[in-house]
Amino acid sequence: MKKFIVLSLLFFISNNVLAAKATVLDIKAKNISTKTTNLKPSVVKLAMRAFYNSKRLGVRTKKPIITVIDYSLPSTKERLWVVDIEQEKILYSSMVAHGKYSGENHTTSFSNRVGSLQTSIGLFLTEGTYFGQDGYSLYMQGLEKGFNDNAKVRTIVFHGAPYVSKQFANAAGRIGRSWGCPAVEKHLAKPIINTIKDGTLIFAFYPDRNWLSNSKFINQSA
């Protein structure tokens, strides 16, 4: 009987701790989402869960910053945000391109395959910078096997592009498309890259059932 009572008490405490953590994430997500447009609290919550789970799973990050991309939004809207989780601040927001074969204005398909020219979803870790054909750029390491772990082989990097602009969107009904890279507005590329380089997370979201069901970063209680 005593053993049953102890186990029941432990179960009750455990459930309440998890509920308290979930409540904290809900509150922080709502606070953050109200400071910008288009950013859904549910997406922020998943991004924060991925952030905290990544630390528990041994991913080394240097700042409490996560870049959130919501590919469920059309390319003509701002759908990338650099978020300071501790301060609950939006540091930057931008339109962001998806891959050439991932859709027109809306992102409809994703791939981790080399040569697909499609966007990958999931959690990435930023690395160092370099100057390439797209100017100042940032290396990204895909952390999710089967979803984005071919990012470096595919040369999926973070960079700016002239085709990511309101002018292009107004003329074409969509922004330009990349070869799978998350390309942002040209004038924002350098400040964003300098903020997120060398060990911060990028959370590329889309309500893909397979990823949502299998991602180790969002399917554990943070």
N, C-alpha and C. Protein backbone atom coordinates (compact mmCIF):
# COMPACT_ATOMS: atom_id res chain seq x y z
N MET A 1 0.83 -1.21 0.00
CA MET A 1 0.00 0.00 0.00
C MET A 1 0.86 1.26 0.00
N LYS A 2 1.91 1.25 0.86
CA LYS A 2 2.81 2.41 0.91
C LYS A 2 3.51 2.63 -0.42
N LYS A 3 3.92 1.49 -1.03
CA LYS A 3 4.61 1.58 -2.32
C LYS A 3 3.69 2.19 -3.37
N PHE A 4 2.42 1.81 -3.34
CA PHE A 4 1.45 2.34 -4.29
C PHE A 4 1.28 3.85 -4.10
N ILE A 5 1.21 4.26 -2.84
CA ILE A 5 1.04 5.69 -2.53
C ILE A 5 2.24 6.49 -3.01
N VAL A 6 3.45 5.95 -2.78
CA VAL A 6 4.67 6.64 -3.21
C VAL A 6 4.71 6.77 -4.72
N LEU A 7 4.40 5.68 -5.42
CA LEU A 7 4.40 5.71 -6.88
C LEU A 7 3.36 6.69 -7.42
N SER A 8 2.20 6.71 -6.79
CA SER A 8 1.14 7.63 -7.21
C SER A 8 1.56 9.07 -7.00
N LEU A 9 2.24 9.32 -5.86
CA LEU A 9 2.71 10.67 -5.57
C LEU A 9 3.76 11.12 -6.58
N LEU A 10 4.68 10.21 -6.92
CA LEU A 10 5.72 10.52 -7.91
C LEU A 10 5.10 10.80 -9.27
N PHE A 11 4.10 10.01 -9.63
CA PHE A 11 3.41 10.20 -10.91
C PHE A 11 2.71 11.56 -10.93
N PHE A 12 2.07 11.91 -9.81
CA PHE A 12 1.38 13.19 -9.70
C PHE A 12 2.36 14.36 -9.82
N ILE A 13 3.49 14.26 -9.13
CA ILE A 13 4.50 15.33 -9.16
C ILE A 13 5.07 15.47 -10.57
N SER A 14 5.39 14.32 -11.20
CA SER A 14 5.96 14.33 -12.55
C SER A 14 5.01 14.99 -13.53
N ASN A 15 3.75 14.65 -13.47
CA ASN A 15 2.77 15.23 -14.38
C ASN A 15 2.62 16.73 -14.17
N ASN A 16 2.67 17.15 -12.91
CA ASN A 16 2.54 18.57 -12.62
C ASN A 16 3.76 19.36 -13.05
N VAL A 17 4.94 18.76 -12.94
CA VAL A 17 6.16 19.42 -13.43
C VAL A 17 6.09 19.61 -14.93
N LEU A 18 5.67 18.56 -15.64
CA LEU A 18 5.54 18.65 -17.10
C LEU A 18 4.49 19.69 -17.49
N ALA A 19 3.38 19.72 -16.75
CA ALA A 19 2.34 20.70 -17.03
C ALA A 19 2.84 22.12 -16.81
N ALA A 20 3.64 22.30 -15.74
CA ALA A 20 4.20 23.62 -15.45
C ALA A 20 5.14 24.07 -16.55
N LYS A 21 5.98 23.14 -17.04
CA LYS A 21 6.90 23.47 -18.13
C LYS A 21 6.13 23.85 -19.38
N ALA A 22 5.07 23.08 -19.67
CA ALA A 22 4.27 23.37 -20.85
C ALA A 22 3.63 24.75 -20.74
N THR A 23 3.18 25.08 -19.54
CA THR A 23 2.56 26.39 -19.32
C THR A 23 3.55 27.51 -19.55
N VAL A 24 4.78 27.35 -19.06
CA VAL A 24 5.83 28.35 -19.26
C VAL A 24 6.09 28.55 -20.74
N LEU A 25 6.20 27.46 -21.50
CA LEU A 25 6.42 27.56 -22.94
C LEU A 25 5.25 28.26 -23.63
N ASP A 26 4.04 27.94 -23.19
CA ASP A 26 2.85 28.57 -23.77
C ASP A 26 2.88 30.09 -23.56
N ILE A 27 3.22 30.49 -22.34
CA ILE A 27 3.25 31.91 -22.02
C ILE A 27 4.33 32.64 -22.81
N LYS A 28 5.54 32.04 -22.84
CA LYS A 28 6.64 32.67 -23.57
C LYS A 28 6.33 32.75 -25.06
N ALA A 29 5.75 31.67 -25.60
CA ALA A 29 5.41 31.64 -27.03
C ALA A 29 4.40 32.73 -27.37
N LYS A 30 3.40 32.89 -26.52
CA LYS A 30 2.39 33.92 -26.76
C LYS A 30 2.99 35.31 -26.68
N ASN A 31 3.85 35.53 -25.68
CA ASN A 31 4.51 36.83 -25.52
C ASN A 31 5.33 37.19 -26.75
N ILE A 32 6.08 36.21 -27.24
CA ILE A 32 6.95 36.45 -28.40
C ILE A 32 6.13 36.72 -29.66
N SER A 33 5.08 35.93 -29.86
CA SER A 33 4.29 36.05 -31.09
C SER A 33 3.55 37.38 -31.19
N THR A 34 3.24 37.99 -30.06
CA THR A 34 2.53 39.27 -30.09
C THR A 34 3.42 40.44 -30.50
N LYS A 35 4.72 40.20 -30.58
CA LYS A 35 5.66 41.28 -30.89
C LYS A 35 6.00 41.40 -32.38
N THR A 36 5.29 40.61 -33.18
CA THR A 36 5.50 40.68 -34.63
C THR A 36 4.23 40.22 -35.32
N THR A 37 4.24 40.17 -36.64
CA THR A 37 3.09 39.68 -37.39
C THR A 37 3.40 38.31 -37.99
N ASN A 38 2.35 37.53 -38.21
CA ASN A 38 2.42 36.22 -38.89
C ASN A 38 2.99 35.08 -38.05
N LEU A 39 3.72 35.38 -36.99
CA LEU A 39 4.37 34.32 -36.21
C LEU A 39 3.36 33.69 -35.24
N LYS A 40 3.08 32.41 -35.48
CA LYS A 40 2.07 31.72 -34.69
C LYS A 40 2.65 31.25 -33.34
N PRO A 41 1.91 31.40 -32.24
CA PRO A 41 2.38 30.89 -30.94
C PRO A 41 2.71 29.40 -30.97
N SER A 42 1.93 28.62 -31.73
CA SER A 42 2.17 27.17 -31.79
C SER A 42 3.52 26.86 -32.42
N VAL A 43 3.92 27.66 -33.41
CA VAL A 43 5.21 27.44 -34.06
C VAL A 43 6.35 27.87 -33.14
N VAL A 44 6.18 28.99 -32.44
CA VAL A 44 7.19 29.44 -31.48
C VAL A 44 7.38 28.39 -30.39
N LYS A 45 6.29 27.83 -29.92
CA LYS A 45 6.36 26.82 -28.86
C LYS A 45 7.16 25.60 -29.32
N LEU A 46 6.89 25.14 -30.55
CA LEU A 46 7.65 24.01 -31.09
C LEU A 46 9.13 24.35 -31.21
N ALA A 47 9.42 25.57 -31.65
CA ALA A 47 10.81 26.00 -31.80
C ALA A 47 11.52 26.01 -30.45
N MET A 48 10.85 26.52 -29.43
CA MET A 48 11.45 26.55 -28.10
C MET A 48 11.62 25.14 -27.54
N ARG A 49 10.66 24.28 -27.81
CA ARG A 49 10.80 22.89 -27.37
C ARG A 49 12.02 22.25 -28.03
N ALA A 50 12.19 22.52 -29.32
CA ALA A 50 13.36 22.00 -30.03
C ALA A 50 14.65 22.56 -29.44
N PHE A 51 14.63 23.84 -29.10
CA PHE A 51 15.81 24.48 -28.50
C PHE A 51 16.20 23.80 -27.19
N TYR A 52 15.25 23.63 -26.28
CA TYR A 52 15.56 23.04 -24.98
C TYR A 52 15.90 21.56 -25.09
N ASN A 53 15.20 20.84 -25.96
CA ASN A 53 15.52 19.42 -26.16
C ASN A 53 16.89 19.24 -26.78
N SER A 54 17.29 20.15 -27.67
CA SER A 54 18.61 20.03 -28.30
C SER A 54 19.72 20.12 -27.26
N LYS A 55 19.55 20.98 -26.28
CA LYS A 55 20.55 21.12 -25.22
C LYS A 55 20.61 19.83 -24.40
N ARG A 56 19.45 19.28 -24.11
CA ARG A 56 19.39 18.04 -23.33
C ARG A 56 19.99 16.87 -24.11
N LEU A 57 19.89 16.93 -25.43
CA LEU A 57 20.42 15.86 -26.28
C LEU A 57 21.88 16.09 -26.69
N GLY A 58 22.50 17.11 -26.13
CA GLY A 58 23.93 17.30 -26.33
C GLY A 58 24.35 18.24 -27.43
N VAL A 59 23.40 18.96 -28.04
CA VAL A 59 23.76 19.95 -29.07
C VAL A 59 24.30 21.19 -28.36
N ARG A 60 25.47 21.63 -28.75
CA ARG A 60 26.10 22.78 -28.10
C ARG A 60 25.73 24.07 -28.82
N THR A 61 25.02 24.92 -28.12
CA THR A 61 24.66 26.23 -28.66
C THR A 61 25.30 27.31 -27.80
N LYS A 62 25.56 28.48 -28.42
CA LYS A 62 26.28 29.53 -27.72
C LYS A 62 25.40 30.68 -27.24
N LYS A 63 24.19 30.78 -27.79
CA LYS A 63 23.31 31.89 -27.43
C LYS A 63 21.87 31.37 -27.29
N PRO A 64 21.06 32.03 -26.47
CA PRO A 64 19.64 31.64 -26.36
C PRO A 64 18.83 32.23 -27.51
N ILE A 65 19.32 32.01 -28.72
CA ILE A 65 18.71 32.58 -29.91
C ILE A 65 18.32 31.44 -30.86
N ILE A 66 17.14 31.55 -31.44
CA ILE A 66 16.73 30.58 -32.45
C ILE A 66 16.07 31.33 -33.61
N THR A 67 16.44 30.93 -34.82
CA THR A 67 15.83 31.49 -36.03
C THR A 67 14.66 30.59 -36.43
N VAL A 68 13.48 31.17 -36.49
CA VAL A 68 12.27 30.41 -36.80
C VAL A 68 11.82 30.73 -38.22
N ILE A 69 11.63 29.68 -39.02
CA ILE A 69 11.09 29.84 -40.37
C ILE A 69 9.79 29.06 -40.44
N ASP A 70 8.74 29.70 -40.91
CA ASP A 70 7.45 29.03 -41.06
C ASP A 70 7.12 28.91 -42.55
N TYR A 71 7.45 27.77 -43.12
CA TYR A 71 7.23 27.55 -44.54
C TYR A 71 5.77 27.26 -44.89
N SER A 72 4.89 27.27 -43.89
CA SER A 72 3.47 27.13 -44.21
C SER A 72 2.88 28.46 -44.70
N LEU A 73 3.63 29.54 -44.51
CA LEU A 73 3.21 30.86 -44.99
C LEU A 73 3.68 31.09 -46.42
N PRO A 74 3.00 31.93 -47.19
CA PRO A 74 3.44 32.21 -48.56
C PRO A 74 4.75 33.01 -48.56
N SER A 75 5.48 32.91 -49.65
CA SER A 75 6.79 33.56 -49.74
C SER A 75 6.70 35.08 -49.76
N THR A 76 5.53 35.61 -50.08
CA THR A 76 5.36 37.06 -50.15
C THR A 76 5.22 37.70 -48.78
N LYS A 77 5.12 36.88 -47.74
CA LYS A 77 5.02 37.40 -46.37
C LYS A 77 6.34 37.20 -45.62
N GLU A 78 6.57 38.02 -44.60
CA GLU A 78 7.69 37.74 -43.71
C GLU A 78 7.41 36.42 -43.01
N ARG A 79 8.35 35.49 -43.10
CA ARG A 79 8.14 34.18 -42.48
C ARG A 79 9.42 33.64 -41.84
N LEU A 80 10.34 34.55 -41.56
CA LEU A 80 11.55 34.22 -40.81
C LEU A 80 11.73 35.24 -39.70
N TRP A 81 12.02 34.74 -38.51
CA TRP A 81 12.23 35.60 -37.36
C TRP A 81 13.42 35.10 -36.55
N VAL A 82 14.28 36.02 -36.14
CA VAL A 82 15.37 35.70 -35.23
C VAL A 82 14.88 36.06 -33.84
N VAL A 83 14.79 35.06 -32.97
CA VAL A 83 14.15 35.22 -31.67
C VAL A 83 15.16 35.05 -30.53
N ASP A 84 15.18 36.02 -29.62
CA ASP A 84 15.92 35.89 -28.37
C ASP A 84 14.95 35.30 -27.35
N ILE A 85 15.15 34.03 -27.02
CA ILE A 85 14.21 33.32 -26.16
C ILE A 85 14.21 33.89 -24.74
N GLU A 86 15.37 34.18 -24.20
CA GLU A 86 15.44 34.66 -22.82
C GLU A 86 14.80 36.04 -22.67
N GLN A 87 15.10 36.93 -23.61
CA GLN A 87 14.57 38.29 -23.55
C GLN A 87 13.17 38.41 -24.17
N GLU A 88 12.72 37.34 -24.82
CA GLU A 88 11.42 37.32 -25.50
C GLU A 88 11.32 38.46 -26.51
N LYS A 89 12.38 38.58 -27.33
CA LYS A 89 12.45 39.65 -28.31
C LYS A 89 12.58 39.10 -29.72
N ILE A 90 12.02 39.84 -30.68
CA ILE A 90 12.25 39.56 -32.10
C ILE A 90 13.40 40.46 -32.53
N LEU A 91 14.52 39.86 -32.87
CA LEU A 91 15.70 40.64 -33.25
C LEU A 91 15.65 41.06 -34.72
N TYR A 92 15.18 40.18 -35.58
CA TYR A 92 15.05 40.46 -37.01
C TYR A 92 13.87 39.68 -37.57
N SER A 93 13.30 40.19 -38.66
CA SER A 93 12.30 39.45 -39.41
C SER A 93 12.54 39.71 -40.89
N SER A 94 12.22 38.72 -41.72
CA SER A 94 12.51 38.84 -43.14
C SER A 94 11.63 37.89 -43.95
N MET A 95 11.46 38.21 -45.22
CA MET A 95 10.96 37.21 -46.15
C MET A 95 12.10 36.21 -46.38
N VAL A 96 11.76 35.01 -46.77
CA VAL A 96 12.80 34.00 -47.00
C VAL A 96 12.37 33.09 -48.16
N ALA A 97 13.33 32.79 -49.01
CA ALA A 97 13.04 31.97 -50.20
C ALA A 97 13.00 30.48 -49.86
N HIS A 98 12.26 29.74 -50.68
CA HIS A 98 12.34 28.28 -50.61
C HIS A 98 12.92 27.76 -51.94
N GLY A 99 13.12 26.46 -52.00
CA GLY A 99 13.79 25.86 -53.15
C GLY A 99 12.98 25.93 -54.45
N LYS A 100 13.69 25.92 -55.56
CA LYS A 100 13.09 26.03 -56.89
C LYS A 100 11.99 25.01 -57.13
N TYR A 101 12.19 23.77 -56.66
CA TYR A 101 11.21 22.72 -56.88
C TYR A 101 10.38 22.42 -55.63
N SER A 102 10.30 23.40 -54.74
CA SER A 102 9.48 23.24 -53.54
C SER A 102 8.14 23.96 -53.65
N GLY A 103 7.89 24.59 -54.78
CA GLY A 103 6.61 25.28 -54.95
C GLY A 103 6.78 26.65 -55.54
N GLU A 104 5.66 27.30 -55.82
CA GLU A 104 5.67 28.65 -56.37
C GLU A 104 5.64 29.65 -55.20
N ASN A 105 4.51 30.29 -54.97
CA ASN A 105 4.43 31.21 -53.83
C ASN A 105 4.35 30.45 -52.51
N HIS A 106 3.66 29.32 -52.54
CA HIS A 106 3.55 28.48 -51.35
C HIS A 106 4.52 27.30 -51.44
N THR A 107 5.10 26.96 -50.32
CA THR A 107 6.01 25.81 -50.26
C THR A 107 5.16 24.55 -50.12
N THR A 108 5.31 23.63 -51.05
CA THR A 108 4.43 22.46 -51.06
C THR A 108 5.17 21.13 -50.93
N SER A 109 6.49 21.12 -51.16
CA SER A 109 7.22 19.85 -51.08
C SER A 109 8.63 20.10 -50.56
N PHE A 110 9.18 19.09 -49.91
CA PHE A 110 10.48 19.20 -49.25
C PHE A 110 11.32 17.97 -49.56
N SER A 111 12.62 18.15 -49.47
CA SER A 111 13.50 17.01 -49.75
C SER A 111 14.84 17.19 -49.06
N ASN A 112 15.44 16.06 -48.74
CA ASN A 112 16.79 16.00 -48.17
C ASN A 112 17.76 15.45 -49.21
N ARG A 113 17.23 15.18 -50.42
CA ARG A 113 18.01 14.50 -51.45
C ARG A 113 18.95 15.45 -52.19
N VAL A 114 20.17 14.97 -52.43
CA VAL A 114 21.15 15.74 -53.19
C VAL A 114 20.63 15.95 -54.61
N GLY A 115 20.69 17.19 -55.09
CA GLY A 115 20.25 17.52 -56.44
C GLY A 115 18.77 17.81 -56.56
N SER A 116 18.02 17.78 -55.47
CA SER A 116 16.56 17.98 -55.54
C SER A 116 16.19 19.44 -55.76
N LEU A 117 17.05 20.37 -55.37
CA LEU A 117 16.77 21.81 -55.41
C LEU A 117 15.51 22.15 -54.62
N GLN A 118 15.29 21.37 -53.57
CA GLN A 118 14.15 21.60 -52.70
C GLN A 118 14.62 22.00 -51.29
N THR A 119 13.71 22.59 -50.57
CA THR A 119 13.96 23.00 -49.19
C THR A 119 13.88 21.81 -48.25
N SER A 120 14.66 21.86 -47.18
CA SER A 120 14.59 20.86 -46.12
C SER A 120 14.01 21.49 -44.86
N ILE A 121 13.26 20.69 -44.12
CA ILE A 121 12.70 21.16 -42.86
C ILE A 121 13.47 20.56 -41.68
N GLY A 122 13.16 21.06 -40.49
CA GLY A 122 13.79 20.52 -39.29
C GLY A 122 14.75 21.48 -38.63
N LEU A 123 15.54 20.95 -37.70
CA LEU A 123 16.44 21.76 -36.90
C LEU A 123 17.86 21.75 -37.47
N PHE A 124 18.44 22.93 -37.58
CA PHE A 124 19.80 23.10 -38.09
C PHE A 124 20.64 23.82 -37.03
N LEU A 125 21.94 23.59 -37.09
CA LEU A 125 22.89 24.31 -36.24
C LEU A 125 23.79 25.15 -37.14
N THR A 126 23.94 26.42 -36.83
CA THR A 126 24.79 27.29 -37.66
C THR A 126 26.26 27.06 -37.36
N GLU A 127 27.08 27.29 -38.38
CA GLU A 127 28.53 27.13 -38.23
C GLU A 127 29.20 28.45 -38.63
N GLY A 128 30.31 28.37 -39.35
CA GLY A 128 31.06 29.56 -39.72
C GLY A 128 30.56 30.23 -40.98
N THR A 129 31.18 31.35 -41.31
CA THR A 129 30.79 32.15 -42.47
C THR A 129 31.84 32.05 -43.57
N TYR A 130 31.46 32.48 -44.77
CA TYR A 130 32.38 32.53 -45.91
C TYR A 130 31.80 33.49 -46.94
N PHE A 131 32.61 33.88 -47.89
CA PHE A 131 32.14 34.69 -49.02
C PHE A 131 32.10 33.79 -50.26
N GLY A 132 30.91 33.67 -50.86
CA GLY A 132 30.76 32.83 -52.04
C GLY A 132 30.05 33.56 -53.14
N GLN A 133 29.44 32.81 -54.07
CA GLN A 133 28.77 33.43 -55.21
C GLN A 133 27.55 34.25 -54.80
N ASP A 134 27.03 33.97 -53.60
CA ASP A 134 25.90 34.74 -53.09
C ASP A 134 26.34 35.74 -52.03
N GLY A 135 27.64 36.05 -52.00
CA GLY A 135 28.15 37.00 -51.03
C GLY A 135 28.36 36.37 -49.66
N TYR A 136 28.18 37.17 -48.64
CA TYR A 136 28.39 36.73 -47.26
C TYR A 136 27.38 35.64 -46.92
N SER A 137 27.88 34.47 -46.57
CA SER A 137 27.01 33.31 -46.37
C SER A 137 27.38 32.55 -45.10
N LEU A 138 26.48 31.68 -44.68
CA LEU A 138 26.62 30.97 -43.41
C LEU A 138 26.39 29.49 -43.61
N TYR A 139 27.35 28.69 -43.16
CA TYR A 139 27.20 27.22 -43.22
C TYR A 139 26.17 26.76 -42.19
N MET A 140 25.42 25.71 -42.55
CA MET A 140 24.41 25.13 -41.67
C MET A 140 24.58 23.62 -41.62
N GLN A 141 24.46 23.07 -40.42
CA GLN A 141 24.51 21.62 -40.24
C GLN A 141 23.11 21.11 -39.94
N GLY A 142 22.61 20.19 -40.77
CA GLY A 142 21.30 19.60 -40.51
C GLY A 142 21.38 18.57 -39.40
N LEU A 143 20.53 18.67 -38.41
CA LEU A 143 20.59 17.81 -37.22
C LEU A 143 19.59 16.66 -37.24
N GLU A 144 18.76 16.59 -38.30
CA GLU A 144 17.70 15.59 -38.29
C GLU A 144 17.88 14.58 -39.44
N LYS A 145 18.24 13.38 -39.05
CA LYS A 145 18.52 12.32 -40.03
C LYS A 145 17.28 12.04 -40.88
N GLY A 146 17.50 12.05 -42.19
CA GLY A 146 16.42 11.76 -43.12
C GLY A 146 15.63 12.98 -43.54
N PHE A 147 15.80 14.06 -42.80
CA PHE A 147 15.04 15.28 -43.11
C PHE A 147 15.94 16.42 -43.59
N ASN A 148 17.11 16.59 -42.96
CA ASN A 148 17.99 17.68 -43.39
C ASN A 148 19.48 17.40 -43.19
N ASP A 149 19.83 16.15 -42.87
CA ASP A 149 21.23 15.85 -42.56
C ASP A 149 22.15 15.85 -43.79
N ASN A 150 21.59 16.04 -44.98
CA ASN A 150 22.42 16.19 -46.18
C ASN A 150 22.69 17.66 -46.51
N ALA A 151 22.36 18.55 -45.59
CA ALA A 151 22.48 19.99 -45.86
C ALA A 151 23.88 20.39 -46.31
N LYS A 152 24.90 19.90 -45.63
CA LYS A 152 26.26 20.31 -45.98
C LYS A 152 26.69 19.71 -47.31
N VAL A 153 26.29 18.48 -47.58
CA VAL A 153 26.62 17.84 -48.85
C VAL A 153 25.94 18.57 -50.00
N ARG A 154 24.75 19.08 -49.73
CA ARG A 154 23.97 19.81 -50.75
C ARG A 154 24.37 21.28 -50.83
N THR A 155 25.27 21.72 -49.96
CA THR A 155 25.66 23.13 -49.85
C THR A 155 24.43 24.01 -49.59
N ILE A 156 23.61 23.57 -48.65
CA ILE A 156 22.48 24.37 -48.20
C ILE A 156 23.02 25.35 -47.16
N VAL A 157 23.02 26.62 -47.52
CA VAL A 157 23.60 27.66 -46.66
C VAL A 157 22.62 28.82 -46.52
N PHE A 158 22.90 29.67 -45.57
CA PHE A 158 22.08 30.85 -45.31
C PHE A 158 22.74 32.05 -45.98
N HIS A 159 22.00 32.76 -46.84
CA HIS A 159 22.59 33.90 -47.54
C HIS A 159 21.52 34.90 -47.94
N GLY A 160 21.92 36.04 -48.44
CA GLY A 160 21.00 37.04 -48.95
C GLY A 160 20.85 36.90 -50.45
N ALA A 161 19.76 37.45 -51.00
CA ALA A 161 19.55 37.36 -52.45
C ALA A 161 18.70 38.54 -52.92
N PRO A 162 19.03 39.11 -54.08
CA PRO A 162 18.25 40.24 -54.61
C PRO A 162 16.82 39.87 -55.00
N TYR A 163 16.57 38.58 -55.24
CA TYR A 163 15.24 38.16 -55.62
C TYR A 163 14.31 37.97 -54.41
N VAL A 164 14.82 38.21 -53.22
CA VAL A 164 13.99 38.17 -52.02
C VAL A 164 13.70 39.62 -51.64
N SER A 165 12.62 40.15 -52.18
CA SER A 165 12.29 41.56 -51.94
C SER A 165 10.81 41.79 -52.22
N LYS A 166 10.28 42.86 -51.66
CA LYS A 166 8.88 43.22 -51.89
C LYS A 166 8.66 43.62 -53.34
N GLN A 167 9.68 44.24 -53.95
CA GLN A 167 9.56 44.64 -55.35
C GLN A 167 9.40 43.42 -56.25
N PHE A 168 10.20 42.39 -56.01
CA PHE A 168 10.12 41.16 -56.80
C PHE A 168 8.76 40.50 -56.57
N ALA A 169 8.33 40.48 -55.30
CA ALA A 169 7.04 39.85 -54.97
C ALA A 169 5.88 40.57 -55.64
N ASN A 170 5.92 41.89 -55.66
CA ASN A 170 4.84 42.66 -56.29
C ASN A 170 4.77 42.42 -57.79
N ALA A 171 5.94 42.22 -58.40
CA ALA A 171 5.99 42.02 -59.86
C ALA A 171 5.62 40.60 -60.27
N ALA A 172 6.06 39.61 -59.46
CA ALA A 172 5.92 38.21 -59.86
C ALA A 172 4.83 37.44 -59.11
N GLY A 173 4.32 38.01 -58.04
CA GLY A 173 3.32 37.29 -57.24
C GLY A 173 3.95 36.30 -56.30
N ARG A 174 5.25 36.29 -56.24
CA ARG A 174 6.03 35.45 -55.33
C ARG A 174 7.43 36.02 -55.33
N ILE A 175 8.26 35.64 -54.36
CA ILE A 175 9.67 36.02 -54.42
C ILE A 175 10.42 34.97 -55.23
N GLY A 176 11.67 35.25 -55.53
CA GLY A 176 12.47 34.27 -56.25
C GLY A 176 12.75 33.05 -55.42
N ARG A 177 13.22 32.02 -56.08
CA ARG A 177 13.48 30.75 -55.39
C ARG A 177 14.96 30.40 -55.46
N SER A 178 15.41 29.69 -54.45
CA SER A 178 16.81 29.30 -54.35
C SER A 178 16.98 27.86 -54.83
N TRP A 179 18.15 27.30 -54.58
CA TRP A 179 18.38 25.88 -54.87
C TRP A 179 18.20 25.04 -53.60
N GLY A 180 17.42 25.57 -52.69
CA GLY A 180 17.16 24.87 -51.43
C GLY A 180 17.61 25.66 -50.22
N CYS A 181 18.34 26.74 -50.44
CA CYS A 181 18.87 27.56 -49.34
C CYS A 181 17.80 28.51 -48.79
N PRO A 182 17.84 28.78 -47.48
CA PRO A 182 16.98 29.83 -46.93
C PRO A 182 17.60 31.19 -47.20
N ALA A 183 17.29 31.77 -48.35
CA ALA A 183 17.84 33.07 -48.74
C ALA A 183 16.93 34.18 -48.24
N VAL A 184 17.53 35.20 -47.63
CA VAL A 184 16.76 36.30 -47.04
C VAL A 184 16.98 37.59 -47.82
N GLU A 185 16.30 38.64 -47.39
CA GLU A 185 16.45 39.95 -48.03
C GLU A 185 17.91 40.41 -47.94
N LYS A 186 18.42 40.89 -49.05
CA LYS A 186 19.85 41.17 -49.20
C LYS A 186 20.38 42.10 -48.10
N HIS A 187 19.64 43.16 -47.80
CA HIS A 187 20.14 44.13 -46.83
C HIS A 187 20.13 43.62 -45.40
N LEU A 188 19.41 42.50 -45.18
CA LEU A 188 19.34 41.93 -43.84
C LEU A 188 20.31 40.77 -43.63
N ALA A 189 20.90 40.28 -44.72
CA ALA A 189 21.72 39.08 -44.64
C ALA A 189 22.90 39.23 -43.66
N LYS A 190 23.66 40.30 -43.81
CA LYS A 190 24.85 40.46 -42.97
C LYS A 190 24.51 40.60 -41.49
N PRO A 191 23.59 41.51 -41.11
CA PRO A 191 23.29 41.61 -39.68
C PRO A 191 22.69 40.33 -39.09
N ILE A 192 21.84 39.64 -39.86
CA ILE A 192 21.28 38.39 -39.35
C ILE A 192 22.36 37.35 -39.19
N ILE A 193 23.19 37.18 -40.22
CA ILE A 193 24.26 36.18 -40.15
C ILE A 193 25.20 36.45 -38.99
N ASN A 194 25.57 37.70 -38.78
CA ASN A 194 26.47 38.04 -37.68
C ASN A 194 25.84 37.77 -36.32
N THR A 195 24.52 37.78 -36.26
CA THR A 195 23.81 37.50 -35.01
C THR A 195 23.69 36.01 -34.74
N ILE A 196 23.49 35.21 -35.79
CA ILE A 196 23.17 33.79 -35.58
C ILE A 196 24.32 32.84 -35.89
N LYS A 197 25.46 33.34 -36.36
CA LYS A 197 26.56 32.46 -36.74
C LYS A 197 27.19 31.74 -35.54
N ASP A 198 27.94 30.69 -35.85
CA ASP A 198 28.78 30.00 -34.86
C ASP A 198 28.01 29.43 -33.67
N GLY A 199 26.99 28.65 -33.95
CA GLY A 199 26.39 27.90 -32.85
C GLY A 199 25.04 28.36 -32.35
N THR A 200 24.13 28.75 -33.26
CA THR A 200 22.74 28.95 -32.87
C THR A 200 21.87 28.04 -33.74
N LEU A 201 20.62 27.92 -33.38
CA LEU A 201 19.72 27.00 -34.06
C LEU A 201 18.82 27.70 -35.06
N ILE A 202 18.53 26.99 -36.15
CA ILE A 202 17.53 27.42 -37.13
C ILE A 202 16.45 26.35 -37.16
N PHE A 203 15.21 26.76 -36.93
CA PHE A 203 14.08 25.85 -36.87
C PHE A 203 13.19 26.09 -38.08
N ALA A 204 13.28 25.20 -39.06
CA ALA A 204 12.51 25.33 -40.30
C ALA A 204 11.24 24.48 -40.18
N PHE A 205 10.11 25.15 -40.04
CA PHE A 205 8.84 24.47 -39.75
C PHE A 205 7.95 24.32 -40.98
N TYR A 206 7.28 23.19 -41.03
CA TYR A 206 6.15 22.97 -41.93
C TYR A 206 5.33 21.85 -41.29
N PRO A 207 4.00 21.90 -41.36
CA PRO A 207 3.19 20.85 -40.71
C PRO A 207 3.22 19.53 -41.46
N ASP A 208 4.41 18.99 -41.60
CA ASP A 208 4.61 17.70 -42.27
C ASP A 208 4.41 16.58 -41.24
N ARG A 209 3.47 15.70 -41.48
CA ARG A 209 3.13 14.67 -40.49
C ARG A 209 4.29 13.76 -40.15
N ASN A 210 5.04 13.38 -41.15
CA ASN A 210 6.17 12.47 -40.92
C ASN A 210 7.21 13.11 -40.00
N TRP A 211 7.56 14.34 -40.30
CA TRP A 211 8.54 15.05 -39.47
C TRP A 211 8.00 15.30 -38.07
N LEU A 212 6.77 15.80 -37.97
CA LEU A 212 6.17 16.09 -36.66
C LEU A 212 6.09 14.84 -35.79
N SER A 213 5.92 13.68 -36.42
CA SER A 213 5.80 12.43 -35.66
C SER A 213 7.15 11.84 -35.27
N ASN A 214 8.21 12.19 -36.03
CA ASN A 214 9.48 11.50 -35.84
C ASN A 214 10.64 12.37 -35.36
N SER A 215 10.48 13.67 -35.33
CA SER A 215 11.58 14.53 -34.89
C SER A 215 11.86 14.33 -33.41
N LYS A 216 13.10 13.98 -33.10
CA LYS A 216 13.48 13.77 -31.69
C LYS A 216 13.54 15.09 -30.93
N PHE A 217 13.59 16.19 -31.64
CA PHE A 217 13.69 17.49 -30.98
C PHE A 217 12.35 18.07 -30.57
N ILE A 218 11.27 17.61 -31.17
CA ILE A 218 9.95 18.14 -30.81
C ILE A 218 9.04 17.08 -30.20
N ASN A 219 9.51 15.85 -30.14
CA ASN A 219 8.66 14.80 -29.60
C ASN A 219 9.07 14.33 -28.21
N GLN A 220 9.79 15.17 -27.50
CA GLN A 220 10.13 14.89 -26.12
C GLN A 220 9.74 16.10 -25.30
N SER A 221 9.37 15.87 -24.06
CA SER A 221 8.96 16.99 -23.20
C SER A 221 10.17 17.83 -22.85
N ALA A 222 10.14 19.11 -23.22
CA ALA A 222 11.27 19.98 -22.95
C ALA A 222 11.36 20.31 -21.47
